[in-house]
mmCIF file of all heavy atoms, coordinates in Angstrom:
data_MODEL
# 
_entry.id   MODEL 
# 
loop_
_atom_site.group_PDB 
_atom_site.id 
_atom_site.type_symbol 
_atom_site.label_atom_id 
_atom_site.label_alt_id 
_atom_site.label_comp_id 
_atom_site.label_asym_id 
_atom_site.label_entity_id 
_atom_site.label_seq_id 
_atom_site.pdbx_PDB_ins_code 
_atom_site.Cartn_x 
_atom_site.Cartn_y 
_atom_site.Cartn_z 
_atom_site.occupancy 
_atom_site.B_iso_or_equiv 
_atom_site.pdbx_formal_charge 
_atom_site.auth_seq_id 
_atom_site.auth_comp_id 
_atom_site.auth_asym_id 
_atom_site.auth_atom_id 
_atom_site.pdbx_PDB_model_num 
ATOM 1   N N   . ARG A 1 1  ? 14.774 54.247 54.299 1.00 0.00 ? 1  ARG A N   1 
ATOM 2   C CA  . ARG A 1 1  ? 14.463 55.425 55.151 1.00 0.00 ? 1  ARG A CA  1 
ATOM 3   C C   . ARG A 1 1  ? 15.284 55.330 56.438 1.00 0.00 ? 1  ARG A C   1 
ATOM 4   O O   . ARG A 1 1  ? 15.872 56.297 56.896 1.00 0.00 ? 1  ARG A O   1 
ATOM 5   C CB  . ARG A 1 1  ? 12.987 55.491 55.437 1.00 0.00 ? 1  ARG A CB  1 
ATOM 6   C CG  . ARG A 1 1  ? 12.578 56.709 56.252 1.00 0.00 ? 1  ARG A CG  1 
ATOM 7   C CD  . ARG A 1 1  ? 11.081 56.742 56.588 1.00 0.00 ? 1  ARG A CD  1 
ATOM 8   N NE  . ARG A 1 1  ? 10.240 56.622 55.415 1.00 0.00 ? 1  ARG A NE  1 
ATOM 9   C CZ  . ARG A 1 1  ? 9.422  55.596 55.177 1.00 0.00 ? 1  ARG A CZ  1 
ATOM 10  N NH1 . ARG A 1 1  ? 9.323  54.592 56.016 1.00 0.00 ? 1  ARG A NH1 1 
ATOM 11  N NH2 . ARG A 1 1  ? 8.681  55.548 54.100 1.00 0.00 ? 1  ARG A NH2 1 
ATOM 12  N N   . VAL A 1 2  ? 15.339 54.155 57.020 1.00 0.00 ? 2  VAL A N   1 
ATOM 13  C CA  . VAL A 1 2  ? 16.076 53.961 58.277 1.00 0.00 ? 2  VAL A CA  1 
ATOM 14  C C   . VAL A 1 2  ? 17.585 54.002 58.035 1.00 0.00 ? 2  VAL A C   1 
ATOM 15  O O   . VAL A 1 2  ? 18.330 54.675 58.728 1.00 0.00 ? 2  VAL A O   1 
ATOM 16  C CB  . VAL A 1 2  ? 15.684 52.619 58.946 1.00 0.00 ? 2  VAL A CB  1 
ATOM 17  C CG1 . VAL A 1 2  ? 16.594 52.320 60.123 1.00 0.00 ? 2  VAL A CG1 1 
ATOM 18  C CG2 . VAL A 1 2  ? 14.237 52.662 59.371 1.00 0.00 ? 2  VAL A CG2 1 
ATOM 19  N N   . LEU A 1 3  ? 18.042 53.305 56.993 1.00 0.00 ? 3  LEU A N   1 
ATOM 20  C CA  . LEU A 1 3  ? 19.484 53.182 56.733 1.00 0.00 ? 3  LEU A CA  1 
ATOM 21  C C   . LEU A 1 3  ? 20.133 54.497 56.323 1.00 0.00 ? 3  LEU A C   1 
ATOM 22  O O   . LEU A 1 3  ? 21.271 54.763 56.734 1.00 0.00 ? 3  LEU A O   1 
ATOM 23  C CB  . LEU A 1 3  ? 19.742 52.139 55.648 1.00 0.00 ? 3  LEU A CB  1 
ATOM 24  C CG  . LEU A 1 3  ? 19.480 50.706 56.038 1.00 0.00 ? 3  LEU A CG  1 
ATOM 25  C CD1 . LEU A 1 3  ? 19.715 49.774 54.830 1.00 0.00 ? 3  LEU A CD1 1 
ATOM 26  C CD2 . LEU A 1 3  ? 20.295 50.257 57.218 1.00 0.00 ? 3  LEU A CD2 1 
ATOM 27  N N   . ILE A 1 4  ? 19.444 55.300 55.519 1.00 0.00 ? 4  ILE A N   1 
ATOM 28  C CA  . ILE A 1 4  ? 20.112 56.491 54.974 1.00 0.00 ? 4  ILE A CA  1 
ATOM 29  C C   . ILE A 1 4  ? 19.706 57.785 55.667 1.00 0.00 ? 4  ILE A C   1 
ATOM 30  O O   . ILE A 1 4  ? 20.177 58.860 55.285 1.00 0.00 ? 4  ILE A O   1 
ATOM 31  C CB  . ILE A 1 4  ? 19.920 56.609 53.453 1.00 0.00 ? 4  ILE A CB  1 
ATOM 32  C CG1 . ILE A 1 4  ? 18.459 56.844 53.095 1.00 0.00 ? 4  ILE A CG1 1 
ATOM 33  C CG2 . ILE A 1 4  ? 20.481 55.412 52.737 1.00 0.00 ? 4  ILE A CG2 1 
ATOM 34  C CD1 . ILE A 1 4  ? 18.223 57.084 51.605 1.00 0.00 ? 4  ILE A CD1 1 
ATOM 35  N N   . ALA A 1 5  ? 18.887 57.700 56.717 1.00 0.00 ? 5  ALA A N   1 
ATOM 36  C CA  . ALA A 1 5  ? 18.552 58.914 57.476 1.00 0.00 ? 5  ALA A CA  1 
ATOM 37  C C   . ALA A 1 5  ? 19.854 59.475 58.045 1.00 0.00 ? 5  ALA A C   1 
ATOM 38  O O   . ALA A 1 5  ? 20.700 58.715 58.561 1.00 0.00 ? 5  ALA A O   1 
ATOM 39  C CB  . ALA A 1 5  ? 17.562 58.583 58.585 1.00 0.00 ? 5  ALA A CB  1 
ATOM 40  N N   . ASP A 1 6  ? 20.035 60.781 57.963 1.00 0.00 ? 6  ASP A N   1 
ATOM 41  C CA  . ASP A 1 6  ? 21.269 61.422 58.425 1.00 0.00 ? 6  ASP A CA  1 
ATOM 42  C C   . ASP A 1 6  ? 21.630 60.998 59.849 1.00 0.00 ? 6  ASP A C   1 
ATOM 43  O O   . ASP A 1 6  ? 22.801 60.729 60.127 1.00 0.00 ? 6  ASP A O   1 
ATOM 44  C CB  . ASP A 1 6  ? 21.180 62.924 58.328 1.00 0.00 ? 6  ASP A CB  1 
ATOM 45  C CG  . ASP A 1 6  ? 21.266 63.420 56.909 1.00 0.00 ? 6  ASP A CG  1 
ATOM 46  O OD1 . ASP A 1 6  ? 21.789 62.675 56.053 1.00 0.00 ? 6  ASP A OD1 1 
ATOM 47  O OD2 . ASP A 1 6  ? 20.819 64.544 56.627 1.00 0.00 ? 6  ASP A OD2 1 
ATOM 48  N N   . LYS A 1 7  ? 20.648 60.945 60.738 1.00 0.00 ? 7  LYS A N   1 
ATOM 49  C CA  . LYS A 1 7  ? 20.935 60.602 62.129 1.00 0.00 ? 7  LYS A CA  1 
ATOM 50  C C   . LYS A 1 7  ? 21.337 59.124 62.294 1.00 0.00 ? 7  LYS A C   1 
ATOM 51  O O   . LYS A 1 7  ? 21.967 58.752 63.260 1.00 0.00 ? 7  LYS A O   1 
ATOM 52  C CB  . LYS A 1 7  ? 19.749 60.940 63.024 1.00 0.00 ? 7  LYS A CB  1 
ATOM 53  C CG  . LYS A 1 7  ? 18.515 60.089 62.761 1.00 0.00 ? 7  LYS A CG  1 
ATOM 54  C CD  . LYS A 1 7  ? 17.382 60.458 63.682 1.00 0.00 ? 7  LYS A CD  1 
ATOM 55  C CE  . LYS A 1 7  ? 16.185 59.565 63.389 1.00 0.00 ? 7  LYS A CE  1 
ATOM 56  N NZ  . LYS A 1 7  ? 15.070 59.824 64.262 1.00 0.00 ? 7  LYS A NZ  1 
ATOM 57  N N   . ASN A 1 8  ? 20.970 58.272 61.328 1.00 0.00 ? 8  ASN A N   1 
ATOM 58  C CA  . ASN A 1 8  ? 21.255 56.833 61.443 1.00 0.00 ? 8  ASN A CA  1 
ATOM 59  C C   . ASN A 1 8  ? 22.507 56.384 60.671 1.00 0.00 ? 8  ASN A C   1 
ATOM 60  O O   . ASN A 1 8  ? 22.980 55.271 60.868 1.00 0.00 ? 8  ASN A O   1 
ATOM 61  C CB  . ASN A 1 8  ? 20.068 56.010 60.947 1.00 0.00 ? 8  ASN A CB  1 
ATOM 62  C CG  . ASN A 1 8  ? 18.855 56.176 61.821 1.00 0.00 ? 8  ASN A CG  1 
ATOM 63  O OD1 . ASN A 1 8  ? 18.949 56.590 62.960 1.00 0.00 ? 8  ASN A OD1 1 
ATOM 64  N ND2 . ASN A 1 8  ? 17.693 55.868 61.280 1.00 0.00 ? 8  ASN A ND2 1 
ATOM 65  N N   . LYS A 1 9  ? 23.009 57.203 59.768 1.00 0.00 ? 9  LYS A N   1 
ATOM 66  C CA  . LYS A 1 9  ? 24.159 56.782 58.934 1.00 0.00 ? 9  LYS A CA  1 
ATOM 67  C C   . LYS A 1 9  ? 25.333 56.296 59.769 1.00 0.00 ? 9  LYS A C   1 
ATOM 68  O O   . LYS A 1 9  ? 25.878 55.217 59.478 1.00 0.00 ? 9  LYS A O   1 
ATOM 69  C CB  . LYS A 1 9  ? 24.595 57.917 58.000 1.00 0.00 ? 9  LYS A CB  1 
ATOM 70  C CG  . LYS A 1 9  ? 23.717 58.028 56.790 1.00 0.00 ? 9  LYS A CG  1 
ATOM 71  C CD  . LYS A 1 9  ? 24.217 59.134 55.862 1.00 0.00 ? 9  LYS A CD  1 
ATOM 72  C CE  . LYS A 1 9  ? 23.243 59.339 54.727 1.00 0.00 ? 9  LYS A CE  1 
ATOM 73  N NZ  . LYS A 1 9  ? 23.625 60.440 53.869 1.00 0.00 ? 9  LYS A NZ  1 
ATOM 74  N N   . PRO A 1 10 ? 25.749 57.000 60.819 1.00 0.00 ? 10 PRO A N   1 
ATOM 75  C CA  . PRO A 1 10 ? 26.889 56.493 61.599 1.00 0.00 ? 10 PRO A CA  1 
ATOM 76  C C   . PRO A 1 10 ? 26.605 55.116 62.200 1.00 0.00 ? 10 PRO A C   1 
ATOM 77  O O   . PRO A 1 10 ? 27.503 54.249 62.221 1.00 0.00 ? 10 PRO A O   1 
ATOM 78  C CB  . PRO A 1 10 ? 27.077 57.526 62.702 1.00 0.00 ? 10 PRO A CB  1 
ATOM 79  C CG  . PRO A 1 10 ? 26.418 58.753 62.221 1.00 0.00 ? 10 PRO A CG  1 
ATOM 80  C CD  . PRO A 1 10 ? 25.312 58.302 61.329 1.00 0.00 ? 10 PRO A CD  1 
ATOM 81  N N   . TYR A 1 11 ? 25.374 54.894 62.664 1.00 0.00 ? 11 TYR A N   1 
ATOM 82  C CA  . TYR A 1 11 ? 25.022 53.613 63.256 1.00 0.00 ? 11 TYR A CA  1 
ATOM 83  C C   . TYR A 1 11 ? 24.990 52.495 62.196 1.00 0.00 ? 11 TYR A C   1 
ATOM 84  O O   . TYR A 1 11 ? 25.412 51.387 62.452 1.00 0.00 ? 11 TYR A O   1 
ATOM 85  C CB  . TYR A 1 11 ? 23.674 53.692 63.974 1.00 0.00 ? 11 TYR A CB  1 
ATOM 86  C CG  . TYR A 1 11 ? 23.655 54.740 65.057 1.00 0.00 ? 11 TYR A CG  1 
ATOM 87  C CD1 . TYR A 1 11 ? 22.876 55.890 64.945 1.00 0.00 ? 11 TYR A CD1 1 
ATOM 88  C CD2 . TYR A 1 11 ? 24.450 54.625 66.197 1.00 0.00 ? 11 TYR A CD2 1 
ATOM 89  C CE1 . TYR A 1 11 ? 22.850 56.861 65.933 1.00 0.00 ? 11 TYR A CE1 1 
ATOM 90  C CE2 . TYR A 1 11 ? 24.460 55.583 67.201 1.00 0.00 ? 11 TYR A CE2 1 
ATOM 91  C CZ  . TYR A 1 11 ? 23.644 56.712 67.058 1.00 0.00 ? 11 TYR A CZ  1 
ATOM 92  O OH  . TYR A 1 11 ? 23.642 57.657 68.018 1.00 0.00 ? 11 TYR A OH  1 
ATOM 93  N N   . SER A 1 12 ? 24.464 52.829 61.023 1.00 0.00 ? 12 SER A N   1 
ATOM 94  C CA  . SER A 1 12 ? 24.390 51.847 59.936 1.00 0.00 ? 12 SER A CA  1 
ATOM 95  C C   . SER A 1 12 ? 25.791 51.426 59.545 1.00 0.00 ? 12 SER A C   1 
ATOM 96  O O   . SER A 1 12 ? 26.078 50.221 59.406 1.00 0.00 ? 12 SER A O   1 
ATOM 97  C CB  . SER A 1 12 ? 23.666 52.427 58.713 1.00 0.00 ? 12 SER A CB  1 
ATOM 98  O OG  . SER A 1 12 ? 22.332 52.734 59.029 1.00 0.00 ? 12 SER A OG  1 
ATOM 99  N N   . ILE A 1 13 ? 26.666 52.406 59.345 1.00 0.00 ? 13 ILE A N   1 
ATOM 100 C CA  . ILE A 1 13 ? 28.036 52.109 58.935 1.00 0.00 ? 13 ILE A CA  1 
ATOM 101 C C   . ILE A 1 13 ? 28.755 51.325 60.026 1.00 0.00 ? 13 ILE A C   1 
ATOM 102 O O   . ILE A 1 13 ? 29.419 50.327 59.757 1.00 0.00 ? 13 ILE A O   1 
ATOM 103 C CB  . ILE A 1 13 ? 28.796 53.414 58.579 1.00 0.00 ? 13 ILE A CB  1 
ATOM 104 C CG1 . ILE A 1 13 ? 28.164 54.018 57.317 1.00 0.00 ? 13 ILE A CG1 1 
ATOM 105 C CG2 . ILE A 1 13 ? 30.277 53.160 58.388 1.00 0.00 ? 13 ILE A CG2 1 
ATOM 106 C CD1 . ILE A 1 13 ? 28.613 55.438 57.029 1.00 0.00 ? 13 ILE A CD1 1 
ATOM 107 N N   . ALA A 1 14 ? 28.616 51.758 61.278 1.00 0.00 ? 14 ALA A N   1 
ATOM 108 C CA  . ALA A 1 14 ? 29.284 51.076 62.399 1.00 0.00 ? 14 ALA A CA  1 
ATOM 109 C C   . ALA A 1 14 ? 28.762 49.641 62.528 1.00 0.00 ? 14 ALA A C   1 
ATOM 110 O O   . ALA A 1 14 ? 29.583 48.719 62.757 1.00 0.00 ? 14 ALA A O   1 
ATOM 111 C CB  . ALA A 1 14 ? 29.058 51.858 63.686 1.00 0.00 ? 14 ALA A CB  1 
ATOM 112 N N   . SER A 1 15 ? 27.459 49.457 62.398 1.00 0.00 ? 15 SER A N   1 
ATOM 113 C CA  . SER A 1 15 ? 26.899 48.107 62.514 1.00 0.00 ? 15 SER A CA  1 
ATOM 114 C C   . SER A 1 15 ? 27.470 47.153 61.479 1.00 0.00 ? 15 SER A C   1 
ATOM 115 O O   . SER A 1 15 ? 27.862 46.035 61.777 1.00 0.00 ? 15 SER A O   1 
ATOM 116 C CB  . SER A 1 15 ? 25.377 48.147 62.401 1.00 0.00 ? 15 SER A CB  1 
ATOM 117 O OG  . SER A 1 15 ? 24.813 48.909 63.423 1.00 0.00 ? 15 SER A OG  1 
ATOM 118 N N   . VAL A 1 16 ? 27.514 47.606 60.241 1.00 0.00 ? 16 VAL A N   1 
ATOM 119 C CA  . VAL A 1 16 ? 28.041 46.803 59.153 1.00 0.00 ? 16 VAL A CA  1 
ATOM 120 C C   . VAL A 1 16 ? 29.527 46.500 59.394 1.00 0.00 ? 16 VAL A C   1 
ATOM 121 O O   . VAL A 1 16 ? 30.000 45.378 59.228 1.00 0.00 ? 16 VAL A O   1 
ATOM 122 C CB  . VAL A 1 16 ? 27.799 47.445 57.781 1.00 0.00 ? 16 VAL A CB  1 
ATOM 123 C CG1 . VAL A 1 16 ? 28.551 46.685 56.677 1.00 0.00 ? 16 VAL A CG1 1 
ATOM 124 C CG2 . VAL A 1 16 ? 26.314 47.463 57.477 1.00 0.00 ? 16 VAL A CG2 1 
ATOM 125 N N   . ALA A 1 17 ? 30.272 47.518 59.823 1.00 0.00 ? 17 ALA A N   1 
ATOM 126 C CA  . ALA A 1 17 ? 31.692 47.331 60.083 1.00 0.00 ? 17 ALA A CA  1 
ATOM 127 C C   . ALA A 1 17 ? 31.922 46.328 61.215 1.00 0.00 ? 17 ALA A C   1 
ATOM 128 O O   . ALA A 1 17 ? 32.759 45.427 61.097 1.00 0.00 ? 17 ALA A O   1 
ATOM 129 C CB  . ALA A 1 17 ? 32.351 48.672 60.438 1.00 0.00 ? 17 ALA A CB  1 
ATOM 130 N N   . ILE A 1 18 ? 31.150 46.447 62.297 1.00 0.00 ? 18 ILE A N   1 
ATOM 131 C CA  . ILE A 1 18 ? 31.290 45.527 63.422 1.00 0.00 ? 18 ILE A CA  1 
ATOM 132 C C   . ILE A 1 18 ? 30.942 44.104 62.991 1.00 0.00 ? 18 ILE A C   1 
ATOM 133 O O   . ILE A 1 18 ? 31.664 43.171 63.334 1.00 0.00 ? 18 ILE A O   1 
ATOM 134 C CB  . ILE A 1 18 ? 30.420 46.001 64.601 1.00 0.00 ? 18 ILE A CB  1 
ATOM 135 C CG1 . ILE A 1 18 ? 31.036 47.269 65.223 1.00 0.00 ? 18 ILE A CG1 1 
ATOM 136 C CG2 . ILE A 1 18 ? 30.269 44.904 65.649 1.00 0.00 ? 18 ILE A CG2 1 
ATOM 137 C CD1 . ILE A 1 18 ? 30.132 47.970 66.205 1.00 0.00 ? 18 ILE A CD1 1 
ATOM 138 N N   . ILE A 1 19 ? 29.854 43.942 62.256 1.00 0.00 ? 19 ILE A N   1 
ATOM 139 C CA  . ILE A 1 19 ? 29.470 42.621 61.815 1.00 0.00 ? 19 ILE A CA  1 
ATOM 140 C C   . ILE A 1 19 ? 30.543 42.056 60.867 1.00 0.00 ? 19 ILE A C   1 
ATOM 141 O O   . ILE A 1 19 ? 30.897 40.862 60.983 1.00 0.00 ? 19 ILE A O   1 
ATOM 142 C CB  . ILE A 1 19 ? 28.099 42.655 61.092 1.00 0.00 ? 19 ILE A CB  1 
ATOM 143 C CG1 . ILE A 1 19 ? 26.994 42.942 62.137 1.00 0.00 ? 19 ILE A CG1 1 
ATOM 144 C CG2 . ILE A 1 19 ? 27.804 41.346 60.370 1.00 0.00 ? 19 ILE A CG2 1 
ATOM 145 C CD1 . ILE A 1 19 ? 25.643 43.258 61.541 1.00 0.00 ? 19 ILE A CD1 1 
ATOM 146 N N   . GLY A 1 20 ? 31.053 42.862 59.972 1.00 0.00 ? 20 GLY A N   1 
ATOM 147 C CA  . GLY A 1 20 ? 32.097 42.394 59.069 1.00 0.00 ? 20 GLY A CA  1 
ATOM 148 C C   . GLY A 1 20 ? 33.356 41.994 59.797 1.00 0.00 ? 20 GLY A C   1 
ATOM 149 O O   . GLY A 1 20 ? 33.943 40.911 59.540 1.00 0.00 ? 20 GLY A O   1 
ATOM 150 N N   . ILE A 1 21 ? 33.781 42.804 60.751 1.00 0.00 ? 21 ILE A N   1 
ATOM 151 C CA  . ILE A 1 21 ? 35.004 42.483 61.559 1.00 0.00 ? 21 ILE A CA  1 
ATOM 152 C C   . ILE A 1 21 ? 34.769 41.218 62.375 1.00 0.00 ? 21 ILE A C   1 
ATOM 153 O O   . ILE A 1 21 ? 35.644 40.351 62.434 1.00 0.00 ? 21 ILE A O   1 
ATOM 154 C CB  . ILE A 1 21 ? 35.398 43.691 62.420 1.00 0.00 ? 21 ILE A CB  1 
ATOM 155 C CG1 . ILE A 1 21 ? 35.889 44.833 61.541 1.00 0.00 ? 21 ILE A CG1 1 
ATOM 156 C CG2 . ILE A 1 21 ? 36.436 43.289 63.454 1.00 0.00 ? 21 ILE A CG2 1 
ATOM 157 C CD1 . ILE A 1 21 ? 36.016 46.160 62.253 1.00 0.00 ? 21 ILE A CD1 1 
ATOM 158 N N   . ALA A 1 22 ? 33.617 41.141 63.006 1.00 0.00 ? 22 ALA A N   1 
ATOM 159 C CA  . ALA A 1 22 ? 33.307 39.960 63.819 1.00 0.00 ? 22 ALA A CA  1 
ATOM 160 C C   . ALA A 1 22 ? 33.301 38.699 62.939 1.00 0.00 ? 22 ALA A C   1 
ATOM 161 O O   . ALA A 1 22 ? 33.813 37.638 63.344 1.00 0.00 ? 22 ALA A O   1 
ATOM 162 C CB  . ALA A 1 22 ? 31.942 40.112 64.506 1.00 0.00 ? 22 ALA A CB  1 
ATOM 163 N N   . SER A 1 23 ? 32.762 38.807 61.724 1.00 0.00 ? 23 SER A N   1 
ATOM 164 C CA  . SER A 1 23 ? 32.728 37.666 60.798 1.00 0.00 ? 23 SER A CA  1 
ATOM 165 C C   . SER A 1 23 ? 34.158 37.228 60.453 1.00 0.00 ? 23 SER A C   1 
ATOM 166 O O   . SER A 1 23 ? 34.462 36.028 60.454 1.00 0.00 ? 23 SER A O   1 
ATOM 167 C CB  . SER A 1 23 ? 31.974 38.043 59.536 1.00 0.00 ? 23 SER A CB  1 
ATOM 168 O OG  . SER A 1 23 ? 31.945 36.972 58.634 1.00 0.00 ? 23 SER A OG  1 
ATOM 169 N N   . VAL A 1 24 ? 35.026 38.197 60.178 1.00 0.00 ? 24 VAL A N   1 
ATOM 170 C CA  . VAL A 1 24 ? 36.426 37.856 59.839 1.00 0.00 ? 24 VAL A CA  1 
ATOM 171 C C   . VAL A 1 24 ? 37.108 37.209 61.043 1.00 0.00 ? 24 VAL A C   1 
ATOM 172 O O   . VAL A 1 24 ? 37.819 36.208 60.900 1.00 0.00 ? 24 VAL A O   1 
ATOM 173 C CB  . VAL A 1 24 ? 37.191 39.129 59.379 1.00 0.00 ? 24 VAL A CB  1 
ATOM 174 C CG1 . VAL A 1 24 ? 38.676 38.885 59.311 1.00 0.00 ? 24 VAL A CG1 1 
ATOM 175 C CG2 . VAL A 1 24 ? 36.645 39.614 58.043 1.00 0.00 ? 24 VAL A CG2 1 
# 
């Protein structure tokens, strides 16, 4: 519900991208 809510999608995607980039 939190991850796929329309208002949260940009934040979910950005969070995963930032974590992935930071990990690399």
